[in-house]
C-alpha atoms as a PDB file:
ATOM      1  CA  MET A   1     122.805  97.059  85.018  1.00  0.00           C
ATOM      2  CA  ASN A   2     125.964  97.030  87.252  1.00  0.00           C
ATOM      3  CA  LEU A   3     126.003  97.600  91.009  1.00  0.00           C
ATOM      4  CA  LYS A   4     129.928  96.904  91.509  1.00  0.00           C
ATOM      5  CA  GLY A   5     130.915  99.063  94.763  1.00  0.00           C
ATOM      6  CA  LYS A   6     127.433 100.163  95.393  1.00  0.00           C
ATOM      7  CA  ILE A   7     126.249  99.912  99.118  1.00  0.00           C
ATOM      8  CA  ALA A   8     123.103  99.584  99.666  1.00  0.00           C
ATOM      9  CA  ILE A   9     120.290  99.553 102.329  1.00  0.00           C
ATOM     10  CA  VAL A  10     117.360  97.334 101.796  1.00  0.00           C
ATOM     11  CA  SER A  11     114.353  97.741 105.208  1.00  0.00           C
ATOM     12  CA  GLY A  12     112.840  94.873 106.048  1.00  0.00           C
ATOM     13  CA  GLY A  13     115.246  93.107 103.558  1.00  0.00           C
ATOM     14  CA  SER A  14     115.060  89.625 105.165  1.00  0.00           C
ATOM     15  CA  ARG A  15     110.985  88.131 103.683  1.00  0.00           C
ATOM     16  CA  GLY A  16     109.335  88.771 100.708  1.00  0.00           C
ATOM     17  CA  ILE A  17     109.815  91.534  98.013  1.00  0.00           C
ATOM     18  CA  GLY A  18     112.571  92.410 100.391  1.00  0.00           C
ATOM     19  CA  ARG A  19     114.539  89.023 100.329  1.00  0.00           C
ATOM     20  CA  ALA A  20     114.336  88.973  96.905  1.00  0.00           C
ATOM     21  CA  THR A  21     115.612  92.991  96.446  1.00  0.00           C
ATOM     22  CA  SER A  22     118.498  92.233  98.769  1.00  0.00           C
ATOM     23  CA  LYS A  23     119.641  88.957  96.952  1.00  0.00           C
ATOM     24  CA  THR A  24     119.148  90.672  93.163  1.00  0.00           C
ATOM     25  CA  LEU A  25     121.588  93.804  94.259  1.00  0.00           C
ATOM     26  CA  ALA A  26     124.048  91.575  95.879  1.00  0.00           C
ATOM     27  CA  GLN A  27     124.042  89.833  92.856  1.00  0.00           C
ATOM     28  CA  ARG A  28     124.582  92.873  90.024  1.00  0.00           C
ATOM     29  CA  GLY A  29     127.076  93.313  92.354  1.00  0.00           C
ATOM     30  CA  ALA A  30     126.019  96.051  95.191  1.00  0.00           C
ATOM     31  CA  LYS A  31     126.991  95.503  99.084  1.00  0.00           C
ATOM     32  CA  VAL A  32     123.906  95.047 100.506  1.00  0.00           C
ATOM     33  CA  ILE A  33     122.578  95.931 104.494  1.00  0.00           C
ATOM     34  CA  VAL A  34     119.631  93.648 105.199  1.00  0.00           C
ATOM     35  CA  ASN A  35     117.460  95.203 107.493  1.00  0.00           C
ATOM     36  CA  TYR A  36     114.898  93.382 109.539  1.00  0.00           C
ATOM     37  CA  LEU A  37     112.809  94.151 112.601  1.00  0.00           C
ATOM     38  CA  ASN A  38     112.489  90.807 114.578  1.00  0.00           C
ATOM     39  CA  ASN A  39     113.410  88.065 112.306  1.00  0.00           C
ATOM     40  CA  GLN A  40     117.289  87.970 112.502  1.00  0.00           C
ATOM     41  CA  ASP A  41     117.363  84.299 111.408  1.00  0.00           C
ATOM     42  CA  ALA A  42     115.406  85.114 108.153  1.00  0.00           C
ATOM     43  CA  ALA A  43     117.377  87.965 107.667  1.00  0.00           C
ATOM     44  CA  GLN A  44     120.754  86.052 108.398  1.00  0.00           C
ATOM     45  CA  ALA A  45     119.725  83.023 105.902  1.00  0.00           C
ATOM     46  CA  VAL A  46     119.524  85.947 103.281  1.00  0.00           C
ATOM     47  CA  VAL A  47     122.903  87.285 104.569  1.00  0.00           C
ATOM     48  CA  ASP A  48     124.405  83.630 104.010  1.00  0.00           C
ATOM     49  CA  ALA A  49     122.808  83.032 100.527  1.00  0.00           C
ATOM     50  CA  ILE A  50     124.259  86.280  99.115  1.00  0.00           C
ATOM     51  CA  HIS A  51     127.937  84.574 100.447  1.00  0.00           C
ATOM     52  CA  SER A  52     127.083  81.307  99.112  1.00  0.00           C
ATOM     53  CA  ASN A  53     126.851  83.242  95.376  1.00  0.00           C
ATOM     54  CA  GLY A  54     129.726  85.293  96.255  1.00  0.00           C
ATOM     55  CA  GLY A  55     128.518  88.456  97.479  1.00  0.00           C
ATOM     56  CA  GLU A  56     128.764  90.849 100.155  1.00  0.00           C
ATOM     57  CA  ALA A  57     125.997  91.615 102.762  1.00  0.00           C
ATOM     58  CA  ALA A  58     125.117  91.789 106.329  1.00  0.00           C
ATOM     59  CA  ALA A  59     122.109  91.967 108.686  1.00  0.00           C
ATOM     60  CA  PHE A  60     120.802  94.807 111.025  1.00  0.00           C
ATOM     61  CA  GLN A  61     117.996  94.946 113.503  1.00  0.00           C
ATOM     62  CA  ALA A  62     116.394  98.490 113.686  1.00  0.00           C
ATOM     63  CA  ASP A  63     113.108  99.760 113.964  1.00  0.00           C
ATOM     64  CA  VAL A  64     112.694 101.925 110.515  1.00  0.00           C
ATOM     65  CA  ARG A  65     110.521 104.451 112.767  1.00  0.00           C
ATOM     66  CA  ASN A  66     112.804 104.859 115.351  1.00  0.00           C
ATOM     67  CA  GLU A  67     115.537 107.469 114.651  1.00  0.00           C
ATOM     68  CA  SER A  68     117.932 106.781 116.842  1.00  0.00           C
ATOM     69  CA  GLN A  69     118.080 102.441 116.059  1.00  0.00           C
ATOM     70  CA  ILE A  70     118.104 103.860 112.295  1.00  0.00           C
ATOM     71  CA  SER A  71     121.183 106.252 113.267  1.00  0.00           C
ATOM     72  CA  ASN A  72     122.623 102.968 114.807  1.00  0.00           C
ATOM     73  CA  LEU A  73     122.165 101.652 111.510  1.00  0.00           C
ATOM     74  CA  ILE A  74     123.775 103.797 108.987  1.00  0.00           C
ATOM     75  CA  SER A  75     126.674 103.961 111.352  1.00  0.00           C
ATOM     76  CA  PHE A  76     127.081 100.127 111.281  1.00  0.00           C
ATOM     77  CA  THR A  77     126.661 100.110 107.416  1.00  0.00           C
ATOM     78  CA  LYS A  78     129.078 102.842 106.636  1.00  0.00           C
ATOM     79  CA  GLU A  79     132.203 101.313 109.402  1.00  0.00           C
ATOM     80  CA  THR A  80     131.251  97.889 107.402  1.00  0.00           C
ATOM     81  CA  PHE A  81     131.102  98.862 104.031  1.00  0.00           C
ATOM     82  CA  GLY A  82     133.802 101.580 103.950  1.00  0.00           C
ATOM     83  CA  GLY A  83     131.457 105.196 104.351  1.00  0.00           C
ATOM     84  CA  ARG A  84     129.196 105.449 101.642  1.00  0.00           C
ATOM     85  CA  ILE A  85     125.293 104.764 101.052  1.00  0.00           C
ATOM     86  CA  ASP A  86     124.538 104.760  97.511  1.00  0.00           C
ATOM     87  CA  ILE A  87     120.945 102.798  97.493  1.00  0.00           C
ATOM     88  CA  LEU A  88     117.916 102.965  99.885  1.00  0.00           C
ATOM     89  CA  VAL A  89     115.664 100.243  99.381  1.00  0.00           C
ATOM     90  CA  ASN A  90     112.352 101.814 101.804  1.00  0.00           C
ATOM     91  CA  ASN A  91     110.489  98.633 102.120  1.00  0.00           C
ATOM     92  CA  ALA A  92     109.340  97.484 105.865  1.00  0.00           C
ATOM     93  CA  ASN A  93     106.221  96.159 106.117  1.00  0.00           C
ATOM     94  CA  VAL A  94     103.871  98.507 108.276  1.00  0.00           C
ATOM     95  CA  PRO A  95     101.102  96.313 109.747  1.00  0.00           C
ATOM     96  CA  PHE A  96      97.867  98.143 109.540  1.00  0.00           C
ATOM     97  CA  VAL A  97      93.937  97.531 109.994  1.00  0.00           C
ATOM     98  CA  ARG A  98      91.737  96.151 107.746  1.00  0.00           C
ATOM     99  CA  LYS A  99      88.594  97.880 108.310  1.00  0.00           C
ATOM    100  CA  PRO A 100      86.071  99.454 105.901  1.00  0.00           C
ATOM    101  CA  PHE A 101      85.478 103.406 106.942  1.00  0.00           C
ATOM    102  CA  THR A 102      82.196 103.131 108.553  1.00  0.00           C
ATOM    103  CA  GLU A 103      84.200 101.179 111.385  1.00  0.00           C
ATOM    104  CA  ILE A 104      87.735 101.976 111.462  1.00  0.00           C
ATOM    105  CA  SER A 105      88.319 104.923 114.241  1.00  0.00           C
ATOM    106  CA  TRP A 106      90.822 107.511 113.945  1.00  0.00           C
ATOM    107  CA  SER A 107      93.200 106.131 115.804  1.00  0.00           C
ATOM    108  CA  GLU A 108      93.494 102.898 113.712  1.00  0.00           C
ATOM    109  CA  PHE A 109      93.428 105.200 110.469  1.00  0.00           C
ATOM    110  CA  ALA A 110      96.139 107.340 111.965  1.00  0.00           C
ATOM    111  CA  GLN A 111      98.215 105.072 113.168  1.00  0.00           C
ATOM    112  CA  LYS A 112      99.126 102.976 109.611  1.00  0.00           C
ATOM    113  CA  LEU A 113      99.688 106.747 108.124  1.00  0.00           C
ATOM    114  CA  ASN A 114     102.114 107.851 110.877  1.00  0.00           C
ATOM    115  CA  ASP A 115     104.283 104.656 110.735  1.00  0.00           C
ATOM    116  CA  GLU A 116     104.471 104.480 107.031  1.00  0.00           C
ATOM    117  CA  LEU A 117     105.291 107.886 106.416  1.00  0.00           C
ATOM    118  CA  LYS A 118     107.872 108.119 109.939  1.00  0.00           C
ATOM    119  CA  ALA A 119     110.019 104.904 108.720  1.00  0.00           C
ATOM    120  CA  ALA A 120     109.627 106.864 104.784  1.00  0.00           C
ATOM    121  CA  PHE A 121     110.593 110.246 106.347  1.00  0.00           C
ATOM    122  CA  THR A 122     113.793 108.593 109.620  1.00  0.00           C
ATOM    123  CA  MET A 123     115.231 106.211 106.605  1.00  0.00           C
ATOM    124  CA  THR A 124     115.187 109.327 104.000  1.00  0.00           C
ATOM    125  CA  LYS A 125     116.595 111.906 106.727  1.00  0.00           C
ATOM    126  CA  ALA A 126     119.104 109.288 107.441  1.00  0.00           C
ATOM    127  CA  VAL A 127     120.986 108.595 104.154  1.00  0.00           C
ATOM    128  CA  ILE A 128     120.208 112.105 102.620  1.00  0.00           C
ATOM    129  CA  PRO A 129     123.565 113.690 104.133  1.00  0.00           C
ATOM    130  CA  SER A 130     125.772 110.816 102.574  1.00  0.00           C
ATOM    131  CA  MET A 131     123.754 111.220  99.286  1.00  0.00           C
ATOM    132  CA  ILE A 132     124.559 115.109  99.535  1.00  0.00           C
ATOM    133  CA  GLU A 133     128.243 114.707 100.307  1.00  0.00           C
ATOM    134  CA  GLN A 134     129.240 112.205  97.382  1.00  0.00           C
ATOM    135  CA  GLU A 135     126.262 113.586  95.003  1.00  0.00           C
ATOM    136  CA  TYR A 136     124.738 110.621  94.074  1.00  0.00           C
ATOM    137  CA  GLY A 137     122.081 108.888  95.503  1.00  0.00           C
ATOM    138  CA  ARG A 138     119.006 106.452  95.028  1.00  0.00           C
ATOM    139  CA  ILE A 139     116.110 105.987  96.448  1.00  0.00           C
ATOM    140  CA  ILE A 140     113.520 103.368  96.153  1.00  0.00           C
ATOM    141  CA  TYR A 141     109.840 103.674  97.644  1.00  0.00           C
ATOM    142  CA  ILE A 142     107.782 100.667  97.948  1.00  0.00           C
ATOM    143  CA  SER A 143     104.319 101.463  97.585  1.00  0.00           C
ATOM    144  CA  SER A 144     101.055  99.480  96.556  1.00  0.00           C
ATOM    145  CA  ASP A 145      98.569  99.975  93.537  1.00  0.00           C
ATOM    146  CA  LEU A 146      96.307 100.100  96.407  1.00  0.00           C
ATOM    147  CA  GLY A 147      97.399 103.953  96.746  1.00  0.00           C
ATOM    148  CA  LYS A 148      95.397 104.674  93.443  1.00  0.00           C
ATOM    149  CA  TYR A 149      93.288 101.539  92.904  1.00  0.00           C
ATOM    150  CA  PRO A 150      91.444 101.271  95.874  1.00  0.00           C
ATOM    151  CA  LYS A 151      89.852  97.819  97.154  1.00  0.00           C
ATOM    152  CA  PRO A 152      87.016  97.392 100.066  1.00  0.00           C
ATOM    153  CA  ASP A 153      88.915  97.405 103.654  1.00  0.00           C
ATOM    154  CA  PHE A 154      92.607  98.700 102.663  1.00  0.00           C
ATOM    155  CA  ILE A 155      91.679 102.386 103.469  1.00  0.00           C
ATOM    156  CA  ALA A 156      94.053 102.508 105.951  1.00  0.00           C
ATOM    157  CA  HIS A 157      96.562 101.096 103.863  1.00  0.00           C
ATOM    158  CA  GLY A 158      95.767 102.719 100.663  1.00  0.00           C
ATOM    159  CA  THR A 159      95.652 106.391 102.149  1.00  0.00           C
ATOM    160  CA  ALA A 160      99.207 105.515 103.530  1.00  0.00           C
ATOM    161  CA  LYS A 161     101.148 104.405 100.432  1.00  0.00           C
ATOM    162  CA  GLY A 162      99.068 107.476  98.288  1.00  0.00           C
ATOM    163  CA  GLY A 163     101.377 109.812 101.211  1.00  0.00           C
ATOM    164  CA  ILE A 164     104.464 107.524  99.945  1.00  0.00           C
ATOM    165  CA  ASP A 165     103.815 108.197  96.318  1.00  0.00           C
ATOM    166  CA  THR A 166     103.910 112.110  97.148  1.00  0.00           C
ATOM    167  CA  PHE A 167     106.432 112.143  99.289  1.00  0.00           C
ATOM    168  CA  ALA A 168     108.299 110.557  97.008  1.00  0.00           C
ATOM    169  CA  LYS A 169     107.804 112.962  94.354  1.00  0.00           C
ATOM    170  CA  TYR A 170     108.894 115.861  96.769  1.00  0.00           C
ATOM    171  CA  ILE A 171     112.252 113.919  97.267  1.00  0.00           C
ATOM    172  CA  ALA A 172     113.234 113.810  93.964  1.00  0.00           C
ATOM    173  CA  SER A 173     112.329 117.355  93.130  1.00  0.00           C
ATOM    174  CA  GLU A 174     114.399 118.839  96.183  1.00  0.00           C
ATOM    175  CA  PHE A 175     117.391 116.526  96.100  1.00  0.00           C
ATOM    176  CA  GLY A 176     117.630 116.239  92.153  1.00  0.00           C
ATOM    177  CA  PRO A 177     120.037 118.925  91.506  1.00  0.00           C
ATOM    178  CA  LEU A 178     122.294 116.861  93.833  1.00  0.00           C
ATOM    179  CA  GLY A 179     122.366 114.150  91.717  1.00  0.00           C
ATOM    180  CA  ILE A 180     119.792 112.367  94.194  1.00  0.00           C
ATOM    181  CA  THR A 181     117.032 110.383  92.604  1.00  0.00           C
ATOM    182  CA  ALA A 182     113.726 109.005  93.922  1.00  0.00           C
ATOM    183  CA  ASN A 183     111.391 106.355  92.571  1.00  0.00           C
ATOM    184  CA  VAL A 184     108.137 104.708  93.783  1.00  0.00           C
ATOM    185  CA  VAL A 185     107.750 100.894  93.070  1.00  0.00           C
ATOM    186  CA  ALA A 186     104.189  99.857  93.271  1.00  0.00           C
ATOM    187  CA  PRO A 187     103.335  96.042  93.616  1.00  0.00           C
ATOM    188  CA  GLY A 188      99.890  94.686  92.806  1.00  0.00           C
ATOM    189  CA  ALA A 189      99.101  91.005  94.632  1.00  0.00           C
ATOM    190  CA  THR A 190     102.568  89.313  95.291  1.00  0.00           C
ATOM    191  CA  GLU A 191     103.077  86.064  96.123  1.00  0.00           C
ATOM    192  CA  THR A 192     104.790  86.515  99.153  1.00  0.00           C
ATOM    193  CA  ASP A 193     103.899  84.992 102.785  1.00  0.00           C
ATOM    194  CA  ALA A 194     101.163  87.377 103.677  1.00  0.00           C
ATOM    195  CA  ILE A 195      99.516  85.726 100.068  1.00  0.00           C
ATOM    196  CA  SER A 196     100.143  82.736 100.854  1.00  0.00           C
ATOM    197  CA  ARG A 197      96.831  82.764 103.103  1.00  0.00           C
ATOM    198  CA  MET A 198      94.848  83.948 100.631  1.00  0.00           C
ATOM    199  CA  PRO A 199      92.113  81.645  99.733  1.00  0.00           C
ATOM    200  CA  GLU A 200      93.244  79.512  96.332  1.00  0.00           C
ATOM    201  CA  GLN A 201      90.277  80.821  94.384  1.00  0.00           C
ATOM    202  CA  VAL A 202      90.934  84.649  95.558  1.00  0.00           C
ATOM    203  CA  LYS A 203      94.696  83.865  93.917  1.00  0.00           C
ATOM    204  CA  GLN A 204      92.508  82.377  90.521  1.00  0.00           C
ATOM    205  CA  ALA A 205      90.506  85.104  90.281  1.00  0.00           C
ATOM    206  CA  PHE A 206      93.788  87.826  90.191  1.00  0.00           C
ATOM    207  CA  ARG A 207      95.344  85.548  87.568  1.00  0.00           C
ATOM    208  CA  LYS A 208      92.648  85.278  85.462  1.00  0.00           C
ATOM    209  CA  ASN A 209      91.651  89.345  85.445  1.00  0.00           C
ATOM    210  CA  THR A 210      95.974  89.937  84.941  1.00  0.00           C
ATOM    211  CA  PRO A 211      96.754  90.125  81.303  1.00  0.00           C
ATOM    212  CA  LEU A 212     100.062  88.457  81.955  1.00  0.00           C
ATOM    213  CA  ARG A 213      98.142  85.638  83.733  1.00  0.00           C
ATOM    214  CA  ARG A 214      99.742  85.010  86.748  1.00  0.00           C
ATOM    215  CA  MET A 215     100.439  86.857  90.344  1.00  0.00           C
ATOM    216  CA  ALA A 216     103.779  88.845  90.643  1.00  0.00           C
ATOM    217  CA  GLN A 217     106.799  87.008  91.977  1.00  0.00           C
ATOM    218  CA  PRO A 218     109.148  88.938  94.197  1.00  0.00           C
ATOM    219  CA  ASP A 219     111.990  88.711  91.764  1.00  0.00           C
ATOM    220  CA  ASP A 220     109.871  90.372  89.464  1.00  0.00           C
ATOM    221  CA  LEU A 221     109.723  93.892  92.259  1.00  0.00           C
ATOM    222  CA  ALA A 222     113.594  93.128  92.534  1.00  0.00           C
ATOM    223  CA  ALA A 223     114.285  93.617  88.689  1.00  0.00           C
ATOM    224  CA  VAL A 224     112.471  96.961  88.943  1.00  0.00           C
ATOM    225  CA  VAL A 225     114.252  97.520  91.955  1.00  0.00           C
ATOM    226  CA  SER A 226     117.330  97.235  90.566  1.00  0.00           C
ATOM    227  CA  PHE A 227     116.851  99.271  87.499  1.00  0.00           C
ATOM    228  CA  LEU A 228     115.941 102.119  89.685  1.00  0.00           C
ATOM    229  CA  ALA A 229     119.109 101.639  91.934  1.00  0.00           C
ATOM    230  CA  SER A 230     121.110 101.383  88.590  1.00  0.00           C
ATOM    231  CA  ASP A 231     122.747 103.909  86.044  1.00  0.00           C
ATOM    232  CA  ASP A 232     120.782 103.127  83.957  1.00  0.00           C
ATOM    233  CA  SER A 233     117.816 104.770  85.138  1.00  0.00           C
ATOM    234  CA  ARG A 234     120.404 108.080  85.769  1.00  0.00           C
ATOM    235  CA  PHE A 235     117.432 109.917  84.046  1.00  0.00           C
ATOM    236  CA  VAL A 236     114.523 108.802  86.104  1.00  0.00           C
ATOM    237  CA  THR A 237     113.469 110.624  89.087  1.00  0.00           C
ATOM    238  CA  GLY A 238     109.681 111.208  90.250  1.00  0.00           C
ATOM    239  CA  SER A 239     108.470 108.378  88.809  1.00  0.00           C
ATOM    240  CA  TYR A 240     105.966 105.705  89.553  1.00  0.00           C
ATOM    241  CA  THR A 241     105.960 102.330  88.324  1.00  0.00           C
ATOM    242  CA  LEU A 242     103.287  99.629  88.533  1.00  0.00           C
ATOM    243  CA  VAL A 243     104.141  96.531  88.782  1.00  0.00           C
ATOM    244  CA  ASN A 244     101.121  94.197  88.581  1.00  0.00           C
ATOM    245  CA  GLY A 245     101.143  92.051  85.243  1.00  0.00           C
ATOM    246  CA  GLY A 246      98.679  95.327  83.733  1.00  0.00           C
ATOM    247  CA  MET A 247      95.715  94.611  86.443  1.00  0.00           C
ATOM    248  CA  HIS A 248      96.172  98.234  86.261  1.00  0.00           C
ATOM    249  CA  MET A 249      97.057 100.537  83.711  1.00  0.00           C
ATOM    250  CA  GLU A 250      98.261 104.141  83.310  1.00  0.00           C
END
């Protein structure tokens, strides 16, 4: 899975799955733009780690829902690494309200749908022209198994991720003839900062009910993303890949 010479943007690249993905892509030869929103220090730490391992990376602040900021991100990427954009990992976390349907308001529900889908729409819209011009591109959308397998109080998040799953198929269909692939990676419970706040007995239950008897680590997701970003996946598009240790199977 050699990514030497490829240019990648990882949205939400400073933490969790995005951080692991940024590092893994760089280890495999890609030049990586680590996009972040609020935590500059965390983003710079990722860049520094990549540099210390001989890779190339730069951090850039941009809200993935803001067209003008994303335009600046694209310009920065091209100026920094030479004009191409080969890989987009659409990963930025969008906050959401956890409530049952009986308690959630339309505005709370719609906020998650609008933010999640706008982020995917805006980022894709921004990179597609370059990918069309070079007749090459790899787009990977980080979704969630909650888009297909409901859990209590996650109706806003799960519905939004279900929208991402469908959106990716349309992108794959429309741009496949132009050499661009689009695929979905759907994590289960992954040991990131957010999961660290989960009670230990809940984590143990996840591990016990997962055939591989552990929770996912960010590196587990990053490895799958790297495959889909590489030419080893050249005939894979429109796919939906669960990375949950067998908690749910298809």
